[in-house]
Protein backbone atom coordinates (compact mmCIF):
# COMPACT_ATOMS: atom_id res chain seq x y z
CA UNK A 1 103.04 35.12 17.04
CA UNK A 2 101.08 36.39 20.07
CA UNK A 3 102.14 33.34 22.04
CA UNK A 4 105.81 34.03 21.31
CA UNK A 5 105.69 37.78 21.93
CA UNK A 6 103.75 37.68 25.18
CA UNK A 7 105.46 34.52 26.35
CA UNK A 8 108.88 36.11 25.95
CA UNK A 9 107.73 39.39 27.52
CA UNK A 10 106.23 37.53 30.48
CA UNK A 11 109.43 35.54 30.95
CA UNK A 12 111.46 38.74 31.07
CA UNK A 13 109.03 40.24 33.60
CA UNK A 14 109.24 37.11 35.71
CA UNK A 15 113.01 37.26 35.48
CA UNK A 16 113.15 40.49 37.47
CA UNK A 17 114.96 39.12 40.57
CA UNK A 18 113.31 41.40 43.11
CA UNK A 19 114.76 39.73 46.20
CA UNK A 20 118.29 39.74 44.79
CA UNK A 21 118.19 43.35 43.63
CA UNK A 22 116.59 44.69 46.82
CA UNK A 23 119.07 42.83 48.99
CA UNK A 24 122.10 43.97 47.05
CA UNK A 25 120.96 47.57 46.50
CA UNK A 26 119.85 48.34 50.06
CA UNK A 27 121.84 45.96 52.24
CA UNK A 28 124.73 44.72 50.09
CA UNK A 29 123.43 41.22 50.77
CA UNK A 30 122.60 38.45 48.32
CA UNK A 31 119.68 36.64 49.97
CA UNK A 32 120.68 33.50 48.08
CA UNK A 33 123.66 33.24 50.41
CA UNK A 34 121.62 33.41 53.63
CA UNK A 35 118.67 31.74 55.31
CA UNK A 36 117.06 29.20 53.03
CA UNK A 37 119.26 30.53 50.18
CA UNK A 38 116.13 31.15 48.16
CA UNK A 39 115.55 34.31 46.12
CA UNK A 40 111.96 34.77 47.15
CA UNK A 41 109.79 36.87 49.44
CA UNK A 42 109.80 34.46 52.41
CA UNK A 43 113.57 34.34 52.61
CA UNK A 44 113.70 38.12 52.21
CA UNK A 45 111.42 38.49 55.25
CA UNK A 46 113.64 36.06 57.13
CA UNK A 47 116.98 37.61 56.17
CA UNK A 48 116.26 41.31 55.66
CA UNK A 49 113.05 42.01 57.59
CA UNK A 50 109.48 43.19 57.13
CA UNK A 51 109.89 46.25 54.90
CA UNK A 52 112.08 44.70 52.18
CA UNK A 53 110.12 41.46 52.46
CA UNK A 54 106.85 43.28 51.83
CA UNK A 55 108.34 45.11 48.84
CA UNK A 56 109.66 41.89 47.32
CA UNK A 57 106.36 40.08 47.92
CA UNK A 58 104.37 42.92 46.35
CA UNK A 59 106.58 43.29 43.27
CA UNK A 60 106.70 39.53 42.67
CA UNK A 61 102.90 39.36 42.79
CA UNK A 62 102.51 42.39 40.52
CA UNK A 63 104.93 41.12 37.88
CA UNK A 64 102.89 37.89 37.60
CA UNK A 65 99.62 39.80 37.41
CA UNK A 66 100.96 42.27 34.85
CA UNK A 67 102.36 39.47 32.68
CA UNK A 68 98.89 37.94 32.44
CA UNK A 69 97.16 41.26 31.81
CA UNK A 70 99.46 42.38 28.98
CA UNK A 71 97.74 40.35 26.23
CA UNK A 72 94.42 41.97 27.15
CA UNK A 73 95.88 45.45 27.42
CA UNK A 74 97.41 45.10 23.97
CA UNK A 75 94.13 43.94 22.46
CA UNK A 76 94.79 40.29 21.65
CA UNK A 77 91.06 39.63 22.02
CA UNK A 78 88.07 40.57 24.15
CA UNK A 79 88.01 39.69 27.84
CA UNK A 80 86.85 36.13 28.48
CA UNK A 81 87.56 34.83 24.99
CA UNK A 82 89.28 31.49 24.48
CA UNK A 83 91.96 33.12 22.31
CA UNK A 84 92.86 35.63 25.01
CA UNK A 85 92.80 33.02 27.78
CA UNK A 86 95.18 30.73 25.90
CA UNK A 87 97.69 33.54 25.31
CA UNK A 88 97.35 34.51 28.99
CA UNK A 89 98.08 30.94 30.07
CA UNK A 90 101.29 30.91 28.04
CA UNK A 91 102.26 34.25 29.57
CA UNK A 92 101.40 32.99 33.06
CA UNK A 93 103.59 29.91 32.70
CA UNK A 94 106.43 31.96 31.22
CA UNK A 95 106.31 34.48 34.08
CA UNK A 96 106.58 31.75 36.71
CA UNK A 97 109.44 30.09 34.82
CA UNK A 98 111.13 33.48 34.67
CA UNK A 99 110.90 33.86 38.44
CA UNK A 100 112.29 30.37 39.07
CA UNK A 101 114.94 30.60 36.33
CA UNK A 102 115.59 34.35 35.98
CA UNK A 103 117.68 35.55 33.07
CA UNK A 104 118.86 38.53 35.11
CA UNK A 105 120.12 36.50 38.09
CA UNK A 106 122.05 33.61 36.60
CA UNK A 107 118.94 31.40 36.36
CA UNK A 108 118.92 31.03 40.14
CA UNK A 109 115.63 32.38 41.42
CA UNK A 110 112.83 31.68 43.87
CA UNK A 111 110.12 29.04 44.17
CA UNK A 112 107.56 31.04 42.25
CA UNK A 113 104.81 31.19 44.87
CA UNK A 114 104.26 34.97 44.87
CA UNK A 115 104.46 35.21 41.09
CA UNK A 116 102.08 32.26 40.83
CA UNK A 117 99.65 34.16 43.02
CA UNK A 118 99.97 37.15 40.70
CA UNK A 119 99.12 35.15 37.60
CA UNK A 120 96.21 33.44 39.38
CA UNK A 121 94.81 36.82 40.37
CA UNK A 122 94.94 37.82 36.72
CA UNK A 123 93.43 34.58 35.46
CA UNK A 124 90.82 33.84 38.13
CA UNK A 125 90.51 36.40 40.96
CA UNK A 126 87.93 34.40 42.93
CA UNK A 127 90.07 31.28 43.00
CA UNK A 128 93.04 33.42 43.98
CA UNK A 129 91.10 34.93 46.87
CA UNK A 130 90.15 31.52 48.24
CA UNK A 131 93.74 30.28 47.92
CA UNK A 132 95.06 33.33 49.77
CA UNK A 133 92.49 32.84 52.53
CA UNK A 134 93.47 29.19 52.94
CA UNK A 135 97.15 30.09 52.93
CA UNK A 136 96.62 32.67 55.69
CA UNK A 137 94.55 30.30 57.82
CA UNK A 138 97.11 27.50 57.57
CA UNK A 139 100.04 29.85 58.10
CA UNK A 140 98.50 31.63 61.10
CA UNK A 141 97.58 28.33 62.77
CA UNK A 142 100.81 26.48 61.99
CA UNK A 143 103.42 29.25 61.46
CA UNK A 144 104.66 27.23 58.48
CA UNK A 145 104.82 29.34 55.31
CA UNK A 146 105.64 26.27 53.24
CA UNK A 147 102.60 24.36 54.49
CA UNK A 148 100.33 27.27 53.65
CA UNK A 149 101.79 27.47 50.14
CA UNK A 150 101.41 23.72 49.60
CA UNK A 151 97.78 23.70 50.77
CA UNK A 152 96.97 26.66 48.51
CA UNK A 153 98.71 24.97 45.57
CA UNK A 154 96.78 21.74 46.03
CA UNK A 155 93.52 23.66 46.35
CA UNK A 156 93.89 25.74 43.17
CA UNK A 157 93.25 22.99 40.56
CA UNK A 158 90.47 21.53 42.72
CA UNK A 159 88.73 24.91 42.73
CA UNK A 160 89.15 25.42 39.00
CA UNK A 161 87.97 21.90 38.14
CA UNK A 162 85.26 21.08 40.65
CA UNK A 163 84.08 24.29 42.30
CA UNK A 164 84.17 26.79 39.45
CA UNK A 165 83.83 23.99 36.86
CA UNK A 166 85.91 25.70 34.19
CA UNK A 167 85.09 24.68 30.63
CA UNK A 168 88.65 25.41 29.53
CA UNK A 169 90.72 22.24 29.41
CA UNK A 170 93.84 24.36 29.06
CA UNK A 171 93.08 26.32 32.24
CA UNK A 172 92.50 23.07 34.13
CA UNK A 173 95.75 21.65 32.75
CA UNK A 174 97.59 24.84 33.67
CA UNK A 175 96.23 24.75 37.23
CA UNK A 176 97.45 21.18 37.65
CA UNK A 177 100.89 21.95 36.22
CA UNK A 178 101.26 25.07 38.37
CA UNK A 179 100.17 23.19 41.48
CA UNK A 180 102.62 20.36 40.77
CA UNK A 181 105.45 22.85 40.15
CA UNK A 182 104.86 24.64 43.47
CA UNK A 183 104.70 21.33 45.36
CA UNK A 184 107.87 20.09 43.64
CA UNK A 185 109.65 23.34 44.54
CA UNK A 186 108.80 22.61 48.19
CA UNK A 187 110.03 19.01 48.20
CA UNK A 188 112.72 19.78 50.79
CA UNK A 189 110.19 21.61 52.92
CA UNK A 190 107.86 18.62 52.76
CA UNK A 191 110.63 16.34 54.02
CA UNK A 192 111.33 18.74 56.90
CA UNK A 193 107.62 19.00 57.71
CA UNK A 194 107.29 15.23 57.86
CA UNK A 195 110.39 15.03 60.05
CA UNK A 196 109.18 17.85 62.32
CA UNK A 197 112.23 19.94 61.40
CA UNK A 198 110.65 22.75 59.35
CA UNK A 199 111.27 26.26 60.67
CA UNK A 200 108.27 28.19 61.93
CA UNK A 201 108.08 31.84 61.04
CA UNK A 202 106.29 35.10 61.70
CA UNK A 203 106.50 37.09 58.47
CA UNK A 204 105.71 40.35 60.21
CA UNK A 205 108.33 40.19 62.92
CA UNK A 206 111.79 41.58 62.26
């Protein structure tokens, strides 16, 4: 029952289409009709600017983090237990699915990177910190947001499996699935990167 309750709750949290709502409420713009046509933080920075982009990024991260923390806050089990971790993993996956296929935005959402970061912070803060650091290094050096996201996604399961040596097979499996999902969501970006046609970007420049 816990899996169903927290999975559904996490999906609904993930379904909050922050980019769509911010764009329509403040600018009367649907970001899915501009730029990369993606309902995520990066496209919000690109289309609407730094302030709305920062808000969207922050909320998308928080909704992933909160989805993962809910089972603990409602006392499913003690912190670090296998029972709690497994419920959190279901919630984490559901939150990311909600962001990509949001109920409240016609199932047309973003790529799930920011929400994925939120759930990783909740599940494994140290791995999340390393992934963020790698993302920033790659992004600053290359100006490619997509390349930074892909490098961070590839790194996450490697950290969980080989560096932190998790003894949870489900966490390792989740890290691989999440990594594969993020990479798949960037398949068009990968083609543009290989062709030298990907757009460079400064997230903090209007």
